[in-house]
């Protein structure tokens, strides 16, 4: 069984056993989290699509780790104007392991 969940403004296709990096969540390592915004649940030929969410469906997961992604460098330059700006950013993430998909 697989599902499409929405968290942090992004959508992820998950199934039990997957390890997924999602936007930073406020949860301790080892804590159980539940994703209530399930857009689609499928099991072979049996597929349920929500409008916008599937009623009664949720995805249970466990927080494995927190971290920060690779540095993204931003460089702005205006030619002939004596303007240049350099900046960097590292986005935080939470790695979760999908335990099960519940579709009632």
PDB file of N, CA and C in Angstrom:
ATOM      1  N   UNK A   1       0.852  -1.175   0.000  1.00  0.00           N
ATOM      2  CA  UNK A   1       0.000   0.000   0.000  1.00  0.00           C
ATOM      3  C   UNK A   1       0.894   1.233   0.000  1.00  0.00           C
ATOM      4  N   UNK A   2       0.546   2.209  -0.810  1.00  0.00           N
ATOM      5  CA  UNK A   2       1.312   3.449  -0.861  1.00  0.00           C
ATOM      6  C   UNK A   2       0.357   4.630  -0.704  1.00  0.00           C
ATOM      7  N   UNK A   3       0.945   5.797  -0.426  1.00  0.00           N
ATOM      8  CA  UNK A   3       0.144   6.989  -0.222  1.00  0.00           C
ATOM      9  C   UNK A   3       0.935   8.201  -0.694  1.00  0.00           C
ATOM     10  N   UNK A   4       0.218   9.284  -0.961  1.00  0.00           N
ATOM     11  CA  UNK A   4       0.829  10.570  -1.262  1.00  0.00           C
ATOM     12  C   UNK A   4       0.434  11.503  -0.128  1.00  0.00           C
ATOM     13  N   UNK A   5       1.447  12.024   0.588  1.00  0.00           N
ATOM     14  CA  UNK A   5       1.182  12.903   1.719  1.00  0.00           C
ATOM     15  C   UNK A   5       1.677  14.306   1.405  1.00  0.00           C
ATOM     16  N   UNK A   6       1.154  15.265   2.143  1.00  0.00           N
ATOM     17  CA  UNK A   6       1.568  16.650   1.990  1.00  0.00           C
ATOM     18  C   UNK A   6       2.071  17.144   3.333  1.00  0.00           C
ATOM     19  N   UNK A   7       3.293  17.658   3.362  1.00  0.00           N
ATOM     20  CA  UNK A   7       3.858  18.250   4.566  1.00  0.00           C
ATOM     21  C   UNK A   7       4.906  19.277   4.165  1.00  0.00           C
ATOM     22  N   UNK A   8       4.900  20.390   4.843  1.00  0.00           N
ATOM     23  CA  UNK A   8       5.878  21.436   4.543  1.00  0.00           C
ATOM     24  C   UNK A   8       5.708  22.045   3.177  1.00  0.00           C
ATOM     25  N   UNK A   9       4.498  22.004   2.613  1.00  0.00           N
ATOM     26  CA  UNK A   9       4.264  22.585   1.294  1.00  0.00           C
ATOM     27  C   UNK A   9       4.729  21.706   0.146  1.00  0.00           C
ATOM     28  N   UNK A  10       5.136  20.479   0.443  1.00  0.00           N
ATOM     29  CA  UNK A  10       5.596  19.560  -0.601  1.00  0.00           C
ATOM     30  C   UNK A  10       4.809  18.260  -0.512  1.00  0.00           C
ATOM     31  N   UNK A  11       4.855  17.486  -1.578  1.00  0.00           N
ATOM     32  CA  UNK A  11       4.139  16.214  -1.620  1.00  0.00           C
ATOM     33  C   UNK A  11       5.149  15.081  -1.782  1.00  0.00           C
ATOM     34  N   UNK A  12       4.892  13.971  -1.090  1.00  0.00           N
ATOM     35  CA  UNK A  12       5.794  12.825  -1.100  1.00  0.00           C
ATOM     36  C   UNK A  12       4.992  11.548  -1.316  1.00  0.00           C
ATOM     37  N   UNK A  13       5.489  10.657  -2.163  1.00  0.00           N
ATOM     38  CA  UNK A  13       4.885   9.340  -2.359  1.00  0.00           C
ATOM     39  C   UNK A  13       5.626   8.391  -1.439  1.00  0.00           C
ATOM     40  N   UNK A  14       4.904   7.763  -0.521  1.00  0.00           N
ATOM     41  CA  UNK A  14       5.529   6.932   0.505  1.00  0.00           C
ATOM     42  C   UNK A  14       4.852   5.572   0.568  1.00  0.00           C
ATOM     43  N   UNK A  15       5.591   4.600   1.100  1.00  0.00           N
ATOM     44  CA  UNK A  15       5.054   3.276   1.402  1.00  0.00           C
ATOM     45  C   UNK A  15       5.752   2.788   2.664  1.00  0.00           C
ATOM     46  N   UNK A  16       5.191   1.832   3.374  1.00  0.00           N
ATOM     47  CA  UNK A  16       5.816   1.364   4.619  1.00  0.00           C
ATOM     48  C   UNK A  16       7.244   0.886   4.390  1.00  0.00           C
ATOM     49  N   UNK A  17       8.127   1.324   5.288  1.00  0.00           N
ATOM     50  CA  UNK A  17       9.534   0.967   5.189  1.00  0.00           C
ATOM     51  C   UNK A  17      10.402   2.025   4.553  1.00  0.00           C
ATOM     52  N   UNK A  18       9.807   3.015   3.899  1.00  0.00           N
ATOM     53  CA  UNK A  18      10.570   4.082   3.245  1.00  0.00           C
ATOM     54  C   UNK A  18      11.182   5.019   4.279  1.00  0.00           C
ATOM     55  N   UNK A  19      12.344   5.587   3.944  1.00  0.00           N
ATOM     56  CA  UNK A  19      12.953   6.665   4.717  1.00  0.00           C
ATOM     57  C   UNK A  19      12.864   7.925   3.859  1.00  0.00           C
ATOM     58  N   UNK A  20      12.209   8.959   4.374  1.00  0.00           N
ATOM     59  CA  UNK A  20      11.924  10.158   3.593  1.00  0.00           C
ATOM     60  C   UNK A  20      12.454  11.373   4.346  1.00  0.00           C
ATOM     61  N   UNK A  21      13.066  12.301   3.618  1.00  0.00           N
ATOM     62  CA  UNK A  21      13.501  13.570   4.198  1.00  0.00           C
ATOM     63  C   UNK A  21      12.424  14.611   3.919  1.00  0.00           C
ATOM     64  N   UNK A  22      11.804  15.098   4.997  1.00  0.00           N
ATOM     65  CA  UNK A  22      10.746  16.103   4.877  1.00  0.00           C
ATOM     66  C   UNK A  22      11.240  17.397   5.511  1.00  0.00           C
ATOM     67  N   UNK A  23      10.453  18.461   5.352  1.00  0.00           N
ATOM     68  CA  UNK A  23      10.795  19.729   5.973  1.00  0.00           C
ATOM     69  C   UNK A  23      10.869  19.551   7.482  1.00  0.00           C
ATOM     70  N   UNK A  24      11.625  20.407   8.144  1.00  0.00           N
ATOM     71  CA  UNK A  24      11.913  20.288   9.562  1.00  0.00           C
ATOM     72  C   UNK A  24      10.641  20.225  10.400  1.00  0.00           C
ATOM     73  N   UNK A  25      10.534  19.180  11.236  1.00  0.00           N
ATOM     74  CA  UNK A  25       9.407  18.991  12.134  1.00  0.00           C
ATOM     75  C   UNK A  25       9.859  19.213  13.570  1.00  0.00           C
ATOM     76  N   UNK A  26       8.953  19.708  14.412  1.00  0.00           N
ATOM     77  CA  UNK A  26       9.265  19.904  15.827  1.00  0.00           C
ATOM     78  C   UNK A  26       8.915  18.628  16.584  1.00  0.00           C
ATOM     79  N   UNK A  27       9.791  17.648  16.497  1.00  0.00           N
ATOM     80  CA  UNK A  27       9.602  16.371  17.181  1.00  0.00           C
ATOM     81  C   UNK A  27      10.976  15.818  17.538  1.00  0.00           C
ATOM     82  N   UNK A  28      11.053  15.134  18.658  1.00  0.00           N
ATOM     83  CA  UNK A  28      12.311  14.551  19.104  1.00  0.00           C
ATOM     84  C   UNK A  28      12.642  13.304  18.269  1.00  0.00           C
ATOM     85  N   UNK A  29      13.931  12.954  18.229  1.00  0.00           N
ATOM     86  CA  UNK A  29      14.363  11.748  17.540  1.00  0.00           C
ATOM     87  C   UNK A  29      13.779  10.542  18.271  1.00  0.00           C
ATOM     88  N   UNK A  30      13.155   9.654  17.532  1.00  0.00           N
ATOM     89  CA  UNK A  30      12.518   8.481  18.101  1.00  0.00           C
ATOM     90  C   UNK A  30      11.038   8.669  18.370  1.00  0.00           C
ATOM     91  N   UNK A  31      10.540   9.901  18.222  1.00  0.00           N
ATOM     92  CA  UNK A  31       9.122  10.169  18.465  1.00  0.00           C
ATOM     93  C   UNK A  31       8.282   9.699  17.284  1.00  0.00           C
ATOM     94  N   UNK A  32       7.041   9.355  17.586  1.00  0.00           N
ATOM     95  CA  UNK A  32       6.112   8.949  16.533  1.00  0.00           C
ATOM     96  C   UNK A  32       5.366  10.179  16.026  1.00  0.00           C
ATOM     97  N   UNK A  33       5.275  10.322  14.721  1.00  0.00           N
ATOM     98  CA  UNK A  33       4.530  11.417  14.107  1.00  0.00           C
ATOM     99  C   UNK A  33       3.475  10.825  13.181  1.00  0.00           C
ATOM    100  N   UNK A  34       2.430  11.600  12.961  1.00  0.00           N
ATOM    101  CA  UNK A  34       1.343  11.152  12.090  1.00  0.00           C
ATOM    102  C   UNK A  34       1.052  12.248  11.082  1.00  0.00           C
ATOM    103  N   UNK A  35       0.979  11.882   9.822  1.00  0.00           N
ATOM    104  CA  UNK A  35       0.662  12.824   8.759  1.00  0.00           C
ATOM    105  C   UNK A  35      -0.811  12.652   8.396  1.00  0.00           C
ATOM    106  N   UNK A  36      -1.613  13.678   8.665  1.00  0.00           N
ATOM    107  CA  UNK A  36      -3.057  13.622   8.439  1.00  0.00           C
ATOM    108  C   UNK A  36      -3.441  14.075   7.031  1.00  0.00           C
ATOM    109  N   UNK A  37      -2.589  14.852   6.377  1.00  0.00           N
ATOM    110  CA  UNK A  37      -2.901  15.362   5.039  1.00  0.00           C
ATOM    111  C   UNK A  37      -2.494  14.330   3.990  1.00  0.00           C
ATOM    112  N   UNK A  38      -3.367  13.374   3.767  1.00  0.00           N
ATOM    113  CA  UNK A  38      -3.124  12.305   2.795  1.00  0.00           C
ATOM    114  C   UNK A  38      -3.930  12.631   1.542  1.00  0.00           C
ATOM    115  N   UNK A  39      -3.252  12.801   0.413  1.00  0.00           N
ATOM    116  CA  UNK A  39      -3.893  13.184  -0.838  1.00  0.00           C
ATOM    117  C   UNK A  39      -4.410  11.989  -1.626  1.00  0.00           C
ATOM    118  N   UNK A  40      -3.714  10.839  -1.481  1.00  0.00           N
ATOM    119  CA  UNK A  40      -4.103   9.648  -2.230  1.00  0.00           C
ATOM    120  C   UNK A  40      -3.636   8.407  -1.484  1.00  0.00           C
ATOM    121  N   UNK A  41      -4.453   7.361  -1.531  1.00  0.00           N
ATOM    122  CA  UNK A  41      -4.091   6.067  -0.962  1.00  0.00           C
ATOM    123  C   UNK A  41      -4.354   5.018  -2.030  1.00  0.00           C
ATOM    124  N   UNK A  42      -3.373   4.139  -2.252  1.00  0.00           N
ATOM    125  CA  UNK A  42      -3.543   3.135  -3.284  1.00  0.00           C
ATOM    126  C   UNK A  42      -2.984   1.792  -2.883  1.00  0.00           C
ATOM    127  N   UNK A  43      -3.624   0.732  -3.387  1.00  0.00           N
ATOM    128  CA  UNK A  43      -3.159  -0.627  -3.162  1.00  0.00           C
ATOM    129  C   UNK A  43      -3.508  -1.434  -4.414  1.00  0.00           C
ATOM    130  N   UNK A  44      -2.616  -1.420  -5.374  1.00  0.00           N
ATOM    131  CA  UNK A  44      -2.877  -2.116  -6.634  1.00  0.00           C
ATOM    132  C   UNK A  44      -3.955  -1.402  -7.437  1.00  0.00           C
ATOM    133  N   UNK A  45      -5.058  -2.090  -7.691  1.00  0.00           N
ATOM    134  CA  UNK A  45      -6.158  -1.523  -8.465  1.00  0.00           C
ATOM    135  C   UNK A  45      -7.057  -0.615  -7.626  1.00  0.00           C
ATOM    136  N   UNK A  46      -7.022  -0.779  -6.311  1.00  0.00           N
ATOM    137  CA  UNK A  46      -7.878  -0.006  -5.419  1.00  0.00           C
ATOM    138  C   UNK A  46      -7.178   1.307  -5.066  1.00  0.00           C
ATOM    139  N   UNK A  47      -7.611   2.419  -5.659  1.00  0.00           N
ATOM    140  CA  UNK A  47      -7.006   3.730  -5.442  1.00  0.00           C
ATOM    141  C   UNK A  47      -8.084   4.707  -5.000  1.00  0.00           C
ATOM    142  N   UNK A  48      -7.792   5.442  -3.907  1.00  0.00           N
ATOM    143  CA  UNK A  48      -8.705   6.476  -3.430  1.00  0.00           C
ATOM    144  C   UNK A  48      -8.001   7.813  -3.504  1.00  0.00           C
ATOM    145  N   UNK A  49      -8.620   8.765  -4.187  1.00  0.00           N
ATOM    146  CA  UNK A  49      -8.067  10.105  -4.328  1.00  0.00           C
ATOM    147  C   UNK A  49      -8.953  11.064  -3.551  1.00  0.00           C
ATOM    148  N   UNK A  50      -8.351  11.919  -2.738  1.00  0.00           N
ATOM    149  CA  UNK A  50      -9.100  12.861  -1.925  1.00  0.00           C
ATOM    150  C   UNK A  50      -9.427  14.132  -2.670  1.00  0.00           C
ATOM    151  N   UNK A  51     -10.333  14.901  -2.048  1.00  0.00           N
ATOM    152  CA  UNK A  51     -10.697  16.187  -2.628  1.00  0.00           C
ATOM    153  C   UNK A  51     -10.783  17.230  -1.529  1.00  0.00           C
ATOM    154  N   UNK A  52      -9.738  17.804  -1.006  1.00  0.00           N
ATOM    155  CA  UNK A  52      -8.341  17.555  -1.362  1.00  0.00           C
ATOM    156  C   UNK A  52      -7.699  16.409  -0.590  1.00  0.00           C
ATOM    157  N   UNK A  53      -8.267  16.003   0.576  1.00  0.00           N
ATOM    158  CA  UNK A  53      -7.648  14.955   1.382  1.00  0.00           C
ATOM    159  C   UNK A  53      -8.572  13.753   1.497  1.00  0.00           C
ATOM    160  N   UNK A  54      -7.980  12.575   1.683  1.00  0.00           N
ATOM    161  CA  UNK A  54      -8.751  11.346   1.870  1.00  0.00           C
ATOM    162  C   UNK A  54      -9.242  11.317   3.318  1.00  0.00           C
ATOM    163  N   UNK A  55     -10.561  11.194   3.501  1.00  0.00           N
ATOM    164  CA  UNK A  55     -11.142  11.206   4.838  1.00  0.00           C
ATOM    165  C   UNK A  55     -10.755   9.944   5.601  1.00  0.00           C
ATOM    166  N   UNK A  56     -10.274  10.113   6.827  1.00  0.00           N
ATOM    167  CA  UNK A  56      -9.947   8.982   7.690  1.00  0.00           C
ATOM    168  C   UNK A  56      -8.618   8.326   7.414  1.00  0.00           C
ATOM    169  N   UNK A  57      -7.847   8.834   6.484  1.00  0.00           N
ATOM    170  CA  UNK A  57      -6.548   8.228   6.162  1.00  0.00           C
ATOM    171  C   UNK A  57      -5.434   8.987   6.872  1.00  0.00           C
ATOM    172  N   UNK A  58      -4.412   8.240   7.280  1.00  0.00           N
ATOM    173  CA  UNK A  58      -3.242   8.874   7.863  1.00  0.00           C
ATOM    174  C   UNK A  58      -2.032   7.966   7.649  1.00  0.00           C
ATOM    175  N   UNK A  59      -0.864   8.560   7.784  1.00  0.00           N
ATOM    176  CA  UNK A  59       0.394   7.836   7.642  1.00  0.00           C
ATOM    177  C   UNK A  59       1.163   8.003   8.939  1.00  0.00           C
ATOM    178  N   UNK A  60       1.530   6.898   9.562  1.00  0.00           N
ATOM    179  CA  UNK A  60       2.287   6.923  10.809  1.00  0.00           C
ATOM    180  C   UNK A  60       3.766   6.729  10.499  1.00  0.00           C
ATOM    181  N   UNK A  61       4.606   7.513  11.184  1.00  0.00           N
ATOM    182  CA  UNK A  61       6.045   7.464  10.935  1.00  0.00           C
ATOM    183  C   UNK A  61       6.795   7.674  12.248  1.00  0.00           C
ATOM    184  N   UNK A  62       8.091   7.381  12.203  1.00  0.00           N
ATOM    185  CA  UNK A  62       8.986   7.581  13.338  1.00  0.00           C
ATOM    186  C   UNK A  62      10.124   8.484  12.904  1.00  0.00           C
ATOM    187  N   UNK A  63      10.462   9.468  13.748  1.00  0.00           N
ATOM    188  CA  UNK A  63      11.552  10.393  13.434  1.00  0.00           C
ATOM    189  C   UNK A  63      12.881   9.670  13.638  1.00  0.00           C
ATOM    190  N   UNK A  64      13.705   9.662  12.596  1.00  0.00           N
ATOM    191  CA  UNK A  64      14.996   8.978  12.645  1.00  0.00           C
ATOM    192  C   UNK A  64      16.110   9.968  12.988  1.00  0.00           C
ATOM    193  N   UNK A  65      16.113  11.142  12.336  1.00  0.00           N
ATOM    194  CA  UNK A  65      17.197  12.109  12.547  1.00  0.00           C
ATOM    195  C   UNK A  65      16.767  13.483  12.073  1.00  0.00           C
ATOM    196  N   UNK A  66      17.490  14.484  12.542  1.00  0.00           N
ATOM    197  CA  UNK A  66      17.373  15.849  12.054  1.00  0.00           C
ATOM    198  C   UNK A  66      18.700  16.220  11.414  1.00  0.00           C
ATOM    199  N   UNK A  67      18.683  17.127  10.467  1.00  0.00           N
ATOM    200  CA  UNK A  67      19.924  17.540   9.833  1.00  0.00           C
ATOM    201  C   UNK A  67      19.730  18.783   8.995  1.00  0.00           C
ATOM    202  N   UNK A  68      20.807  19.144   8.312  1.00  0.00           N
ATOM    203  CA  UNK A  68      20.762  20.287   7.420  1.00  0.00           C
ATOM    204  C   UNK A  68      21.306  19.856   6.069  1.00  0.00           C
ATOM    205  N   UNK A  69      20.683  20.344   5.019  1.00  0.00           N
ATOM    206  CA  UNK A  69      21.070  19.966   3.665  1.00  0.00           C
ATOM    207  C   UNK A  69      22.345  20.647   3.215  1.00  0.00           C
ATOM    208  N   UNK A  70      22.706  20.415   1.977  1.00  0.00           N
ATOM    209  CA  UNK A  70      23.892  21.030   1.401  1.00  0.00           C
ATOM    210  C   UNK A  70      23.703  22.534   1.271  1.00  0.00           C
ATOM    211  N   UNK A  71      24.814  23.253   1.288  1.00  0.00           N
ATOM    212  CA  UNK A  71      24.748  24.700   1.184  1.00  0.00           C
ATOM    213  C   UNK A  71      24.381  25.115  -0.246  1.00  0.00           C
ATOM    214  N   UNK A  72      23.436  26.030  -0.326  1.00  0.00           N
ATOM    215  CA  UNK A  72      23.051  26.621  -1.602  1.00  0.00           C
ATOM    216  C   UNK A  72      23.646  28.014  -1.630  1.00  0.00           C
ATOM    217  N   UNK A  73      24.428  28.297  -2.636  1.00  0.00           N
ATOM    218  CA  UNK A  73      25.076  29.607  -2.737  1.00  0.00           C
ATOM    219  C   UNK A  73      24.243  30.529  -3.622  1.00  0.00           C
ATOM    220  N   UNK A  74      24.049  31.746  -3.128  1.00  0.00           N
ATOM    221  CA  UNK A  74      23.307  32.765  -3.873  1.00  0.00           C
ATOM    222  C   UNK A  74      24.281  33.886  -4.191  1.00  0.00           C
ATOM    223  N   UNK A  75      24.383  34.252  -5.459  1.00  0.00           N
ATOM    224  CA  UNK A  75      25.274  35.333  -5.864  1.00  0.00           C
ATOM    225  C   UNK A  75      24.502  36.261  -6.784  1.00  0.00           C
ATOM    226  N   UNK A  76      24.402  37.516  -6.389  1.00  0.00           N
ATOM    227  CA  UNK A  76      23.700  38.512  -7.193  1.00  0.00           C
ATOM    228  C   UNK A  76      24.719  39.523  -7.694  1.00  0.00           C
ATOM    229  N   UNK A  77      24.576  39.912  -8.956  1.00  0.00           N
ATOM    230  CA  UNK A  77      25.519  40.837  -9.572  1.00  0.00           C
ATOM    231  C   UNK A  77      24.772  41.758 -10.519  1.00  0.00           C
ATOM    232  N   UNK A  78      25.003  43.034 -10.404  1.00  0.00           N
ATOM    233  CA  UNK A  78      24.491  44.015 -11.366  1.00  0.00           C
ATOM    234  C   UNK A  78      25.701  44.548 -12.125  1.00  0.00           C
ATOM    235  N   UNK A  79      25.747  44.221 -13.377  1.00  0.00           N
ATOM    236  CA  UNK A  79      26.920  44.605 -14.137  1.00  0.00           C
ATOM    237  C   UNK A  79      26.989  46.124 -14.308  1.00  0.00           C
ATOM    238  N   UNK A  80      28.193  46.625 -14.252  1.00  0.00           N
ATOM    239  CA  UNK A  80      28.517  48.047 -14.416  1.00  0.00           C
ATOM    240  C   UNK A  80      27.917  48.933 -13.337  1.00  0.00           C
ATOM    241  N   UNK A  81      27.360  48.379 -12.262  1.00  0.00           N
ATOM    242  CA  UNK A  81      26.741  49.184 -11.205  1.00  0.00           C
ATOM    243  C   UNK A  81      27.503  49.083  -9.881  1.00  0.00           C
ATOM    244  N   UNK A  82      28.589  48.331  -9.874  1.00  0.00           N
ATOM    245  CA  UNK A  82      29.417  48.147  -8.681  1.00  0.00           C
ATOM    246  C   UNK A  82      28.594  47.560  -7.539  1.00  0.00           C
ATOM    247  N   UNK A  83      27.789  46.526  -7.886  1.00  0.00           N
ATOM    248  CA  UNK A  83      26.955  45.861  -6.885  1.00  0.00           C
ATOM    249  C   UNK A  83      27.120  44.361  -7.023  1.00  0.00           C
ATOM    250  N   UNK A  84      27.518  43.733  -5.952  1.00  0.00           N
ATOM    251  CA  UNK A  84      27.512  42.277  -5.908  1.00  0.00           C
ATOM    252  C   UNK A  84      27.265  41.839  -4.475  1.00  0.00           C
ATOM    253  N   UNK A  85      26.514  40.746  -4.346  1.00  0.00           N
ATOM    254  CA  UNK A  85      26.118  40.246  -3.033  1.00  0.00           C
ATOM    255  C   UNK A  85      26.247  38.736  -3.046  1.00  0.00           C
ATOM    256  N   UNK A  86      26.873  38.182  -2.016  1.00  0.00           N
ATOM    257  CA  UNK A  86      27.041  36.745  -1.897  1.00  0.00           C
ATOM    258  C   UNK A  86      26.369  36.291  -0.613  1.00  0.00           C
ATOM    259  N   UNK A  87      25.644  35.190  -0.689  1.00  0.00           N
ATOM    260  CA  UNK A  87      24.892  34.697   0.450  1.00  0.00           C
ATOM    261  C   UNK A  87      24.815  33.178   0.353  1.00  0.00           C
ATOM    262  N   UNK A  88      24.621  32.511   1.478  1.00  0.00           N
ATOM    263  CA  UNK A  88      24.478  31.070   1.489  1.00  0.00           C
ATOM    264  C   UNK A  88      23.323  30.658   2.394  1.00  0.00           C
ATOM    265  N   UNK A  89      22.813  29.436   2.171  1.00  0.00           N
ATOM    266  CA  UNK A  89      21.678  28.953   2.955  1.00  0.00           C
ATOM    267  C   UNK A  89      21.739  27.439   3.060  1.00  0.00           C
ATOM    268  N   UNK A  90      21.431  26.913   4.259  1.00  0.00           N
ATOM    269  CA  UNK A  90      21.315  25.467   4.459  1.00  0.00           C
ATOM    270  C   UNK A  90      19.944  25.194   5.047  1.00  0.00           C
ATOM    271  N   UNK A  91      19.134  24.449   4.320  1.00  0.00           N
ATOM    272  CA  UNK A  91      17.781  24.144   4.748  1.00  0.00           C
ATOM    273  C   UNK A  91      17.773  22.957   5.702  1.00  0.00           C
ATOM    274  N   UNK A  92      17.031  23.075   6.783  1.00  0.00           N
ATOM    275  CA  UNK A  92      16.913  21.988   7.734  1.00  0.00           C
ATOM    276  C   UNK A  92      15.928  20.934   7.256  1.00  0.00           C
ATOM    277  N   UNK A  93      16.148  19.686   7.663  1.00  0.00           N
ATOM    278  CA  UNK A  93      15.242  18.598   7.289  1.00  0.00           C
ATOM    279  C   UNK A  93      15.087  17.639   8.452  1.00  0.00           C
ATOM    280  N   UNK A  94      14.042  16.834   8.384  1.00  0.00           N
ATOM    281  CA  UNK A  94      13.804  15.758   9.325  1.00  0.00           C
ATOM    282  C   UNK A  94      13.672  14.472   8.519  1.00  0.00           C
ATOM    283  N   UNK A  95      14.425  13.467   8.894  1.00  0.00           N
ATOM    284  CA  UNK A  95      14.328  12.174   8.218  1.00  0.00           C
ATOM    285  C   UNK A  95      13.377  11.290   9.018  1.00  0.00           C
ATOM    286  N   UNK A  96      12.344  10.791   8.349  1.00  0.00           N
ATOM    287  CA  UNK A  96      11.350   9.947   9.014  1.00  0.00           C
ATOM    288  C   UNK A  96      11.306   8.586   8.313  1.00  0.00           C
ATOM    289  N   UNK A  97      10.985   7.552   9.096  1.00  0.00           N
ATOM    290  CA  UNK A  97      10.763   6.208   8.556  1.00  0.00           C
ATOM    291  C   UNK A  97       9.289   5.925   8.607  1.00  0.00           C
ATOM    292  N   UNK A  98       8.705   5.556   7.475  1.00  0.00           N
ATOM    293  CA  UNK A  98       7.268   5.301   7.379  1.00  0.00           C
ATOM    294  C   UNK A  98       6.974   3.936   7.983  1.00  0.00           C
ATOM    295  N   UNK A  99       6.098   3.925   8.997  1.00  0.00           N
ATOM    296  CA  UNK A  99       5.751   2.674   9.660  1.00  0.00           C
ATOM    297  C   UNK A  99       4.553   1.994   8.997  1.00  0.00           C
ATOM    298  N   UNK A 100       3.460   2.718   8.824  1.00  0.00           N
ATOM    299  CA  UNK A 100       2.314   2.124   8.163  1.00  0.00           C
ATOM    300  C   UNK A 100       1.395   3.200   7.576  1.00  0.00           C
ATOM    301  N   UNK A 101       0.573   2.762   6.631  1.00  0.00           N
ATOM    302  CA  UNK A 101      -0.406   3.615   5.981  1.00  0.00           C
ATOM    303  C   UNK A 101      -1.783   3.104   6.414  1.00  0.00           C
ATOM    304  N   UNK A 102      -2.550   3.993   7.041  1.00  0.00           N
ATOM    305  CA  UNK A 102      -3.878   3.617   7.555  1.00  0.00           C
ATOM    306  C   UNK A 102      -4.916   4.277   6.670  1.00  0.00           C
ATOM    307  N   UNK A 103      -5.750   3.453   6.033  1.00  0.00           N
ATOM    308  CA  UNK A 103      -6.836   3.961   5.194  1.00  0.00           C
ATOM    309  C   UNK A 103      -8.127   3.294   5.680  1.00  0.00           C
ATOM    310  N   UNK A 104      -8.893   4.037   6.483  1.00  0.00           N
ATOM    311  CA  UNK A 104     -10.108   3.440   7.044  1.00  0.00           C
ATOM    312  C   UNK A 104     -11.272   3.561   6.094  1.00  0.00           C
TER     313      UNK A 104
END
